[in-house]
Amino acid sequence: IGKPLFDLFLLITSAAAFVAATALPSIEIVGDLSPAFFPK
């Protein structure tokens, strides 16, 4: 069951990271990229 559990862990943590990245400030650092771009 380890592989499916790890995949589920990746799904949950990546979704949580995406949600957390939306809270980053929306200032522009380079061109049109904000600090949230790479985490998202």
PDB file of all heavy atoms in Angstrom:
ATOM      1  N   ILE A   1       0.822  -1.210   0.000  1.00  0.00           N
ATOM      2  CA  ILE A   1       0.000   0.000   0.000  1.00  0.00           C
ATOM      3  C   ILE A   1       0.859   1.264   0.000  1.00  0.00           C
ATOM      4  O   ILE A   1       0.358   2.374  -0.179  1.00  0.00           O
ATOM      5  CB  ILE A   1      -0.971  -0.009   1.213  1.00  0.00           C
ATOM      6  CG1 ILE A   1      -2.025   1.093   1.113  1.00  0.00           C
ATOM      7  CG2 ILE A   1      -0.204   0.124   2.517  1.00  0.00           C
ATOM      8  CD1 ILE A   1      -3.002   0.917   0.010  1.00  0.00           C
ATOM      9  N   GLY A   2       2.179   1.113   0.136  1.00  0.00           N
ATOM     10  CA  GLY A   2       3.069   2.273   0.243  1.00  0.00           C
ATOM     11  C   GLY A   2       3.015   3.208  -0.946  1.00  0.00           C
ATOM     12  O   GLY A   2       2.977   4.427  -0.781  1.00  0.00           O
ATOM     13  N   LYS A   3       3.022   2.668  -2.156  1.00  0.00           N
ATOM     14  CA  LYS A   3       3.005   3.529  -3.349  1.00  0.00           C
ATOM     15  C   LYS A   3       1.722   4.357  -3.450  1.00  0.00           C
ATOM     16  O   LYS A   3       1.788   5.569  -3.645  1.00  0.00           O
ATOM     17  CB  LYS A   3       3.215   2.695  -4.608  1.00  0.00           C
ATOM     18  CG  LYS A   3       4.619   2.208  -4.785  1.00  0.00           C
ATOM     19  CD  LYS A   3       4.737   1.429  -6.083  1.00  0.00           C
ATOM     20  CE  LYS A   3       6.128   0.922  -6.312  1.00  0.00           C
ATOM     21  NZ  LYS A   3       6.219   0.192  -7.586  1.00  0.00           N
ATOM     22  N   PRO A   4       0.540   3.735  -3.335  1.00  0.00           N
ATOM     23  CA  PRO A   4      -0.666   4.563  -3.396  1.00  0.00           C
ATOM     24  C   PRO A   4      -0.744   5.593  -2.270  1.00  0.00           C
ATOM     25  O   PRO A   4      -1.200   6.718  -2.482  1.00  0.00           O
ATOM     26  CB  PRO A   4      -1.820   3.558  -3.288  1.00  0.00           C
ATOM     27  CG  PRO A   4      -1.244   2.248  -3.634  1.00  0.00           C
ATOM     28  CD  PRO A   4       0.213   2.314  -3.311  1.00  0.00           C
ATOM     29  N   LEU A   5      -0.271   5.235  -1.084  1.00  0.00           N
ATOM     30  CA  LEU A   5      -0.280   6.194   0.019  1.00  0.00           C
ATOM     31  C   LEU A   5       0.663   7.359  -0.254  1.00  0.00           C
ATOM     32  O   LEU A   5       0.344   8.509   0.051  1.00  0.00           O
ATOM     33  CB  LEU A   5       0.091   5.505   1.335  1.00  0.00           C
ATOM     34  CG  LEU A   5      -0.989   4.642   1.965  1.00  0.00           C
ATOM     35  CD1 LEU A   5      -0.484   3.991   3.247  1.00  0.00           C
ATOM     36  CD2 LEU A   5      -2.244   5.446   2.230  1.00  0.00           C
ATOM     37  N   PHE A   6       1.827   7.064  -0.826  1.00  0.00           N
ATOM     38  CA  PHE A   6       2.756   8.141  -1.153  1.00  0.00           C
ATOM     39  C   PHE A   6       2.156   9.063  -2.221  1.00  0.00           C
ATOM     40  O   PHE A   6       2.265  10.287  -2.129  1.00  0.00           O
ATOM     41  CB  PHE A   6       4.093   7.574  -1.635  1.00  0.00           C
ATOM     42  CG  PHE A   6       5.078   8.642  -1.998  1.00  0.00           C
ATOM     43  CD1 PHE A   6       5.685   9.409  -1.021  1.00  0.00           C
ATOM     44  CD2 PHE A   6       5.394   8.888  -3.326  1.00  0.00           C
ATOM     45  CE1 PHE A   6       6.586  10.411  -1.352  1.00  0.00           C
ATOM     46  CE2 PHE A   6       6.295   9.878  -3.670  1.00  0.00           C
ATOM     47  CZ  PHE A   6       6.898  10.649  -2.682  1.00  0.00           C
ATOM     48  N   ASP A   7       1.507   8.474  -3.228  1.00  0.00           N
ATOM     49  CA  ASP A   7       0.861   9.283  -4.260  1.00  0.00           C
ATOM     50  C   ASP A   7      -0.236  10.166  -3.662  1.00  0.00           C
ATOM     51  O   ASP A   7      -0.364  11.341  -4.018  1.00  0.00           O
ATOM     52  CB  ASP A   7       0.262   8.386  -5.351  1.00  0.00           C
ATOM     53  CG  ASP A   7       1.317   7.586  -6.088  1.00  0.00           C
ATOM     54  OD1 ASP A   7       2.479   8.033  -6.145  1.00  0.00           O
ATOM     55  OD2 ASP A   7       0.981   6.515  -6.613  1.00  0.00           O
ATOM     56  N   LEU A   8      -1.008   9.603  -2.744  1.00  0.00           N
ATOM     57  CA  LEU A   8      -2.047  10.378  -2.071  1.00  0.00           C
ATOM     58  C   LEU A   8      -1.432  11.494  -1.240  1.00  0.00           C
ATOM     59  O   LEU A   8      -1.938  12.622  -1.218  1.00  0.00           O
ATOM     60  CB  LEU A   8      -2.895   9.454  -1.196  1.00  0.00           C
ATOM     61  CG  LEU A   8      -4.099  10.079  -0.516  1.00  0.00           C
ATOM     62  CD1 LEU A   8      -5.085  10.619  -1.545  1.00  0.00           C
ATOM     63  CD2 LEU A   8      -4.775   9.060   0.392  1.00  0.00           C
ATOM     64  N   PHE A   9      -0.331  11.195  -0.574  1.00  0.00           N
ATOM     65  CA  PHE A   9       0.398  12.206   0.194  1.00  0.00           C
ATOM     66  C   PHE A   9       0.851  13.349  -0.720  1.00  0.00           C
ATOM     67  O   PHE A   9       0.715  14.526  -0.378  1.00  0.00           O
ATOM     68  CB  PHE A   9       1.599  11.563   0.892  1.00  0.00           C
ATOM     69  CG  PHE A   9       2.529  12.535   1.547  1.00  0.00           C
ATOM     70  CD1 PHE A   9       2.193  13.118   2.753  1.00  0.00           C
ATOM     71  CD2 PHE A   9       3.740  12.869   0.959  1.00  0.00           C
ATOM     72  CE1 PHE A   9       3.061  14.024   3.373  1.00  0.00           C
ATOM     73  CE2 PHE A   9       4.606  13.764   1.564  1.00  0.00           C
ATOM     74  CZ  PHE A   9       4.262  14.349   2.775  1.00  0.00           C
ATOM     75  N   LEU A  10       1.371  13.006  -1.905  1.00  0.00           N
ATOM     76  CA  LEU A  10       1.781  14.033  -2.859  1.00  0.00           C
ATOM     77  C   LEU A  10       0.603  14.894  -3.295  1.00  0.00           C
ATOM     78  O   LEU A  10       0.726  16.125  -3.413  1.00  0.00           O
ATOM     79  CB  LEU A  10       2.439  13.404  -4.089  1.00  0.00           C
ATOM     80  CG  LEU A  10       3.866  12.928  -3.942  1.00  0.00           C
ATOM     81  CD1 LEU A  10       4.338  12.271  -5.243  1.00  0.00           C
ATOM     82  CD2 LEU A  10       4.794  14.067  -3.573  1.00  0.00           C
ATOM     83  N   LEU A  11      -0.532  14.272  -3.562  1.00  0.00           N
ATOM     84  CA  LEU A  11      -1.723  15.024  -3.958  1.00  0.00           C
ATOM     85  C   LEU A  11      -2.145  16.014  -2.875  1.00  0.00           C
ATOM     86  O   LEU A  11      -2.397  17.186  -3.154  1.00  0.00           O
ATOM     87  CB  LEU A  11      -2.882  14.072  -4.266  1.00  0.00           C
ATOM     88  CG  LEU A  11      -2.885  13.407  -5.624  1.00  0.00           C
ATOM     89  CD1 LEU A  11      -3.973  12.354  -5.692  1.00  0.00           C
ATOM     90  CD2 LEU A  11      -3.085  14.432  -6.712  1.00  0.00           C
ATOM     91  N   ILE A  12      -2.210  15.529  -1.650  1.00  0.00           N
ATOM     92  CA  ILE A  12      -2.678  16.378  -0.549  1.00  0.00           C
ATOM     93  C   ILE A  12      -1.702  17.513  -0.268  1.00  0.00           C
ATOM     94  O   ILE A  12      -2.099  18.675  -0.137  1.00  0.00           O
ATOM     95  CB  ILE A  12      -2.929  15.526   0.715  1.00  0.00           C
ATOM     96  CG1 ILE A  12      -4.114  14.586   0.474  1.00  0.00           C
ATOM     97  CG2 ILE A  12      -3.170  16.404   1.940  1.00  0.00           C
ATOM     98  CD1 ILE A  12      -4.277  13.514   1.529  1.00  0.00           C
ATOM     99  N   THR A  13      -0.392  17.196  -0.185  1.00  0.00           N
ATOM    100  CA  THR A  13       0.585  18.248   0.132  1.00  0.00           C
ATOM    101  C   THR A  13       0.736  19.248  -1.009  1.00  0.00           C
ATOM    102  O   THR A  13       0.928  20.438  -0.767  1.00  0.00           O
ATOM    103  CB  THR A  13       1.959  17.651   0.487  1.00  0.00           C
ATOM    104  OG1 THR A  13       2.391  16.788  -0.552  1.00  0.00           O
ATOM    105  CG2 THR A  13       1.908  16.914   1.801  1.00  0.00           C
ATOM    106  N   SER A  14       0.641  18.787  -2.251  1.00  0.00           N
ATOM    107  CA  SER A  14       0.744  19.738  -3.366  1.00  0.00           C
ATOM    108  C   SER A  14      -0.477  20.653  -3.411  1.00  0.00           C
ATOM    109  O   SER A  14      -0.361  21.846  -3.707  1.00  0.00           O
ATOM    110  CB  SER A  14       0.938  19.009  -4.698  1.00  0.00           C
ATOM    111  OG  SER A  14      -0.170  18.192  -4.991  1.00  0.00           O
ATOM    112  N   ALA A  15      -1.658  20.110  -3.097  1.00  0.00           N
ATOM    113  CA  ALA A  15      -2.853  20.951  -3.038  1.00  0.00           C
ATOM    114  C   ALA A  15      -2.728  21.969  -1.899  1.00  0.00           C
ATOM    115  O   ALA A  15      -3.059  23.153  -2.076  1.00  0.00           O
ATOM    116  CB  ALA A  15      -4.101  20.087  -2.853  1.00  0.00           C
ATOM    117  N   ALA A  16      -2.223  21.524  -0.753  1.00  0.00           N
ATOM    118  CA  ALA A  16      -2.032  22.437   0.379  1.00  0.00           C
ATOM    119  C   ALA A  16      -0.987  23.503   0.046  1.00  0.00           C
ATOM    120  O   ALA A  16      -1.162  24.681   0.392  1.00  0.00           O
ATOM    121  CB  ALA A  16      -1.611  21.651   1.615  1.00  0.00           C
ATOM    122  N   ALA A  17       0.077  23.111  -0.649  1.00  0.00           N
ATOM    123  CA  ALA A  17       1.104  24.090  -1.041  1.00  0.00           C
ATOM    124  C   ALA A  17       0.536  25.101  -2.030  1.00  0.00           C
ATOM    125  O   ALA A  17       0.865  26.292  -1.969  1.00  0.00           O
ATOM    126  CB  ALA A  17       2.299  23.366  -1.654  1.00  0.00           C
ATOM    127  N   PHE A  18      -0.310  24.652  -2.941  1.00  0.00           N
ATOM    128  CA  PHE A  18      -0.925  25.568  -3.901  1.00  0.00           C
ATOM    129  C   PHE A  18      -1.801  26.584  -3.180  1.00  0.00           C
ATOM    130  O   PHE A  18      -1.745  27.784  -3.457  1.00  0.00           O
ATOM    131  CB  PHE A  18      -1.747  24.786  -4.934  1.00  0.00           C
ATOM    132  CG  PHE A  18      -2.222  25.639  -6.073  1.00  0.00           C
ATOM    133  CD1 PHE A  18      -1.422  25.819  -7.186  1.00  0.00           C
ATOM    134  CD2 PHE A  18      -3.462  26.263  -6.024  1.00  0.00           C
ATOM    135  CE1 PHE A  18      -1.845  26.606  -8.237  1.00  0.00           C
ATOM    136  CE2 PHE A  18      -3.892  27.058  -7.072  1.00  0.00           C
ATOM    137  CZ  PHE A  18      -3.087  27.228  -8.183  1.00  0.00           C
ATOM    138  N   VAL A  19      -2.606  26.105  -2.226  1.00  0.00           N
ATOM    139  CA  VAL A  19      -3.464  27.002  -1.463  1.00  0.00           C
ATOM    140  C   VAL A  19      -2.614  27.984  -0.652  1.00  0.00           C
ATOM    141  O   VAL A  19      -2.909  29.182  -0.594  1.00  0.00           O
ATOM    142  CB  VAL A  19      -4.418  26.202  -0.544  1.00  0.00           C
ATOM    143  CG1 VAL A  19      -5.131  27.098   0.437  1.00  0.00           C
ATOM    144  CG2 VAL A  19      -5.417  25.427  -1.394  1.00  0.00           C
ATOM    145  N   ALA A  20      -1.542  27.485  -0.042  1.00  0.00           N
ATOM    146  CA  ALA A  20      -0.663  28.362   0.742  1.00  0.00           C
ATOM    147  C   ALA A  20       0.014  29.395  -0.152  1.00  0.00           C
ATOM    148  O   ALA A  20       0.224  30.538   0.259  1.00  0.00           O
ATOM    149  CB  ALA A  20       0.381  27.536   1.482  1.00  0.00           C
ATOM    150  N   ALA A  21       0.344  29.030  -1.381  1.00  0.00           N
ATOM    151  CA  ALA A  21       0.999  29.958  -2.300  1.00  0.00           C
ATOM    152  C   ALA A  21       0.070  31.088  -2.724  1.00  0.00           C
ATOM    153  O   ALA A  21       0.534  32.179  -3.063  1.00  0.00           O
ATOM    154  CB  ALA A  21       1.504  29.211  -3.530  1.00  0.00           C
ATOM    155  N   THR A  22      -1.221  30.849  -2.694  1.00  0.00           N
ATOM    156  CA  THR A  22      -2.152  31.926  -3.062  1.00  0.00           C
ATOM    157  C   THR A  22      -2.154  33.039  -2.026  1.00  0.00           C
ATOM    158  O   THR A  22      -2.586  34.148  -2.319  1.00  0.00           O
ATOM    159  CB  THR A  22      -3.587  31.373  -3.236  1.00  0.00           C
ATOM    160  OG1 THR A  22      -4.007  30.780  -2.011  1.00  0.00           O
ATOM    161  CG2 THR A  22      -3.656  30.360  -4.364  1.00  0.00           C
ATOM    162  N   ALA A  23      -1.657  32.759  -0.825  1.00  0.00           N
ATOM    163  CA  ALA A  23      -1.608  33.779   0.228  1.00  0.00           C
ATOM    164  C   ALA A  23      -0.370  34.659   0.117  1.00  0.00           C
ATOM    165  O   ALA A  23      -0.253  35.653   0.838  1.00  0.00           O
ATOM    166  CB  ALA A  23      -1.647  33.116   1.594  1.00  0.00           C
ATOM    167  N   LEU A  24       0.566  34.313  -0.779  1.00  0.00           N
ATOM    168  CA  LEU A  24       1.768  35.138  -0.934  1.00  0.00           C
ATOM    169  C   LEU A  24       1.396  36.484  -1.547  1.00  0.00           C
ATOM    170  O   LEU A  24       0.437  36.575  -2.315  1.00  0.00           O
ATOM    171  CB  LEU A  24       2.788  34.413  -1.816  1.00  0.00           C
ATOM    172  CG  LEU A  24       3.406  33.150  -1.217  1.00  0.00           C
ATOM    173  CD1 LEU A  24       4.269  32.436  -2.248  1.00  0.00           C
ATOM    174  CD2 LEU A  24       4.230  33.490   0.000  1.00  0.00           C
ATOM    175  N   PRO A  25       2.164  37.528  -1.234  1.00  0.00           N
ATOM    176  CA  PRO A  25       1.831  38.850  -1.758  1.00  0.00           C
ATOM    177  C   PRO A  25       1.885  38.873  -3.289  1.00  0.00           C
ATOM    178  O   PRO A  25       2.663  38.163  -3.909  1.00  0.00           O
ATOM    179  CB  PRO A  25       2.902  39.772  -1.150  1.00  0.00           C
ATOM    180  CG  PRO A  25       3.974  38.875  -0.675  1.00  0.00           C
ATOM    181  CD  PRO A  25       3.367  37.533  -0.420  1.00  0.00           C
ATOM    182  N   SER A  26       1.062  39.711  -3.872  1.00  0.00           N
ATOM    183  CA  SER A  26       0.971  39.761  -5.333  1.00  0.00           C
ATOM    184  C   SER A  26       1.807  40.892  -5.918  1.00  0.00           C
ATOM    185  O   SER A  26       1.368  41.582  -6.837  1.00  0.00           O
ATOM    186  CB  SER A  26      -0.488  39.893  -5.756  1.00  0.00           C
ATOM    187  OG  SER A  26      -1.032  41.071  -5.210  1.00  0.00           O
ATOM    188  N   ILE A  27       3.001  41.101  -5.399  1.00  0.00           N
ATOM    189  CA  ILE A  27       3.905  42.099  -5.973  1.00  0.00           C
ATOM    190  C   ILE A  27       4.657  41.464  -7.133  1.00  0.00           C
ATOM    191  O   ILE A  27       4.812  40.259  -7.197  1.00  0.00           O
ATOM    192  CB  ILE A  27       4.910  42.625  -4.915  1.00  0.00           C
ATOM    193  CG1 ILE A  27       5.702  41.465  -4.320  1.00  0.00           C
ATOM    194  CG2 ILE A  27       4.190  43.393  -3.841  1.00  0.00           C
ATOM    195  CD1 ILE A  27       6.843  41.883  -3.433  1.00  0.00           C
ATOM    196  N   GLU A  28       5.122  42.276  -8.058  1.00  0.00           N
ATOM    197  CA  GLU A  28       5.872  41.758  -9.199  1.00  0.00           C
ATOM    198  C   GLU A  28       7.357  41.829  -8.895  1.00  0.00           C
ATOM    199  O   GLU A  28       7.871  42.861  -8.483  1.00  0.00           O
ATOM    200  CB  GLU A  28       5.562  42.564 -10.453  1.00  0.00           C
ATOM    201  CG  GLU A  28       4.148  42.374 -10.951  1.00  0.00           C
ATOM    202  CD  GLU A  28       3.878  43.157 -12.219  1.00  0.00           C
ATOM    203  OE1 GLU A  28       4.824  43.726 -12.792  1.00  0.00           O
ATOM    204  OE2 GLU A  28       2.712  43.193 -12.626  1.00  0.00           O
ATOM    205  N   ILE A  29       8.056  40.703  -9.082  1.00  0.00           N
ATOM    206  CA  ILE A  29       9.499  40.668  -8.849  1.00  0.00           C
ATOM    207  C   ILE A  29      10.233  40.772 -10.175  1.00  0.00           C
ATOM    208  O   ILE A  29      11.069  41.628 -10.371  1.00  0.00           O
ATOM    209  CB  ILE A  29       9.905  39.384  -8.100  1.00  0.00           C
ATOM    210  CG1 ILE A  29       9.337  39.406  -6.697  1.00  0.00           C
ATOM    211  CG2 ILE A  29      11.413  39.246  -8.044  1.00  0.00           C
ATOM    212  CD1 ILE A  29       9.678  38.196  -5.878  1.00  0.00           C
ATOM    213  N   VAL A  30       9.939  39.886 -11.096  1.00  0.00           N
ATOM    214  CA  VAL A  30      10.584  39.874 -12.402  1.00  0.00           C
ATOM    215  C   VAL A  30       9.486  39.895 -13.450  1.00  0.00           C
ATOM    216  O   VAL A  30       8.698  38.963 -13.542  1.00  0.00           O
ATOM    217  CB  VAL A  30      11.455  38.607 -12.582  1.00  0.00           C
ATOM    218  CG1 VAL A  30      12.078  38.574 -13.967  1.00  0.00           C
ATOM    219  CG2 VAL A  30      12.517  38.529 -11.520  1.00  0.00           C
ATOM    220  N   GLY A  31       9.445  40.957 -14.240  1.00  0.00           N
ATOM    221  CA  GLY A  31       8.427  41.030 -15.272  1.00  0.00           C
ATOM    222  C   GLY A  31       7.039  40.918 -14.681  1.00  0.00           C
ATOM    223  O   GLY A  31       6.649  41.693 -13.830  1.00  0.00           O
ATOM    224  N   ASP A  32       6.300  39.923 -15.119  1.00  0.00           N
ATOM    225  CA  ASP A  32       4.940  39.708 -14.633  1.00  0.00           C
ATOM    226  C   ASP A  32       4.865  38.609 -13.578  1.00  0.00           C
ATOM    227  O   ASP A  32       3.780  38.185 -13.217  1.00  0.00           O
ATOM    228  CB  ASP A  32       4.027  39.322 -15.806  1.00  0.00           C
ATOM    229  CG  ASP A  32       3.870  40.467 -16.790  1.00  0.00           C
ATOM    230  OD1 ASP A  32       3.975  41.625 -16.362  1.00  0.00           O
ATOM    231  OD2 ASP A  32       3.646  40.194 -17.982  1.00  0.00           O
ATOM    232  N   LEU A  33       6.006  38.126 -13.098  1.00  0.00           N
ATOM    233  CA  LEU A  33       6.006  37.027 -12.139  1.00  0.00           C
ATOM    234  C   LEU A  33       5.908  37.547 -10.716  1.00  0.00           C
ATOM    235  O   LEU A  33       6.612  38.471 -10.327  1.00  0.00           O
ATOM    236  CB  LEU A  33       7.276  36.185 -12.285  1.00  0.00           C
ATOM    237  CG  LEU A  33       7.519  35.551 -13.655  1.00  0.00           C
ATOM    238  CD1 LEU A  33       8.814  34.763 -13.647  1.00  0.00           C
ATOM    239  CD2 LEU A  33       6.360  34.668 -14.043  1.00  0.00           C
ATOM    240  N   SER A  34       5.052  36.916  -9.943  1.00  0.00           N
ATOM    241  CA  SER A  34       4.928  37.258  -8.529  1.00  0.00           C
ATOM    242  C   SER A  34       5.626  36.174  -7.713  1.00  0.00           C
ATOM    243  O   SER A  34       5.969  35.114  -8.242  1.00  0.00           O
ATOM    244  CB  SER A  34       3.449  37.343  -8.144  1.00  0.00           C
ATOM    245  OG  SER A  34       2.874  36.061  -8.138  1.00  0.00           O
ATOM    246  N   PRO A  35       5.827  36.401  -6.424  1.00  0.00           N
ATOM    247  CA  PRO A  35       6.452  35.376  -5.591  1.00  0.00           C
ATOM    248  C   PRO A  35       5.655  34.064  -5.564  1.00  0.00           C
ATOM    249  O   PRO A  35       6.200  33.013  -5.275  1.00  0.00           O
ATOM    250  CB  PRO A  35       6.491  36.005  -4.202  1.00  0.00           C
ATOM    251  CG  PRO A  35       6.412  37.458  -4.427  1.00  0.00           C
ATOM    252  CD  PRO A  35       5.620  37.641  -5.690  1.00  0.00           C
ATOM    253  N   ALA A  36       4.383  34.125  -5.867  1.00  0.00           N
ATOM    254  CA  ALA A  36       3.544  32.929  -5.828  1.00  0.00           C
ATOM    255  C   ALA A  36       3.655  32.089  -7.097  1.00  0.00           C
ATOM    256  O   ALA A  36       3.179  30.950  -7.124  1.00  0.00           O
ATOM    257  CB  ALA A  36       2.088  33.326  -5.613  1.00  0.00           C
ATOM    258  N   PHE A  37       4.276  32.616  -8.141  1.00  0.00           N
ATOM    259  CA  PHE A  37       4.292  31.916  -9.423  1.00  0.00           C
ATOM    260  C   PHE A  37       4.951  30.537  -9.336  1.00  0.00           C
ATOM    261  O   PHE A  37       4.357  29.535  -9.741  1.00  0.00           O
ATOM    262  CB  PHE A  37       4.997  32.762 -10.485  1.00  0.00           C
ATOM    263  CG  PHE A  37       5.163  32.051 -11.794  1.00  0.00           C
ATOM    264  CD1 PHE A  37       4.086  31.862 -12.634  1.00  0.00           C
ATOM    265  CD2 PHE A  37       6.395  31.545 -12.174  1.00  0.00           C
ATOM    266  CE1 PHE A  37       4.222  31.188 -13.838  1.00  0.00           C
ATOM    267  CE2 PHE A  37       6.547  30.870 -13.371  1.00  0.00           C
ATOM    268  CZ  PHE A  37       5.460  30.690 -14.202  1.00  0.00           C
ATOM    269  N   PHE A  38       6.183  30.455  -8.836  1.00  0.00           N
ATOM    270  CA  PHE A  38       6.907  29.186  -8.813  1.00  0.00           C
ATOM    271  C   PHE A  38       6.282  28.167  -7.857  1.00  0.00           C
ATOM    272  O   PHE A  38       6.134  27.002  -8.227  1.00  0.00           O
ATOM    273  CB  PHE A  38       8.386  29.396  -8.516  1.00  0.00           C
ATOM    274  CG  PHE A  38       9.120  30.007  -9.671  1.00  0.00           C
ATOM    275  CD1 PHE A  38       9.508  31.321  -9.639  1.00  0.00           C
ATOM    276  CD2 PHE A  38       9.388  29.265 -10.811  1.00  0.00           C
ATOM    277  CE1 PHE A  38      10.155  31.887 -10.714  1.00  0.00           C
ATOM    278  CE2 PHE A  38      10.035  29.823 -11.898  1.00  0.00           C
ATOM    279  CZ  PHE A  38      10.428  31.144 -11.855  1.00  0.00           C
ATOM    280  N   PRO A  39       5.893  28.557  -6.646  1.00  0.00           N
ATOM    281  CA  PRO A  39       5.213  27.566  -5.800  1.00  0.00           C
ATOM    282  C   PRO A  39       3.922  27.045  -6.421  1.00  0.00           C
ATOM    283  O   PRO A  39       3.624  25.861  -6.342  1.00  0.00           O
ATOM    284  CB  PRO A  39       4.935  28.324  -4.498  1.00  0.00           C
ATOM    285  CG  PRO A  39       5.933  29.419  -4.474  1.00  0.00           C
ATOM    286  CD  PRO A  39       6.186  29.788  -5.901  1.00  0.00           C
ATOM    287  N   LYS A  40       3.168  27.934  -7.058  1.00  0.00           N
ATOM    288  CA  LYS A  40       1.929  27.486  -7.713  1.00  0.00           C
ATOM    289  C   LYS A  40       2.245  26.567  -8.887  1.00  0.00           C
ATOM    290  O   LYS A  40       1.579  25.547  -9.075  1.00  0.00           O
ATOM    291  CB  LYS A  40       1.120  28.683  -8.210  1.00  0.00           C
ATOM    292  CG  LYS A  40       0.383  29.423  -7.139  1.00  0.00           C
ATOM    293  CD  LYS A  40      -0.402  30.559  -7.773  1.00  0.00           C
ATOM    294  CE  LYS A  40      -1.182  31.349  -6.771  1.00  0.00           C
ATOM    295  NZ  LYS A  40      -1.895  32.469  -7.404  1.00  0.00           N
TER     296      LYS A  40
END
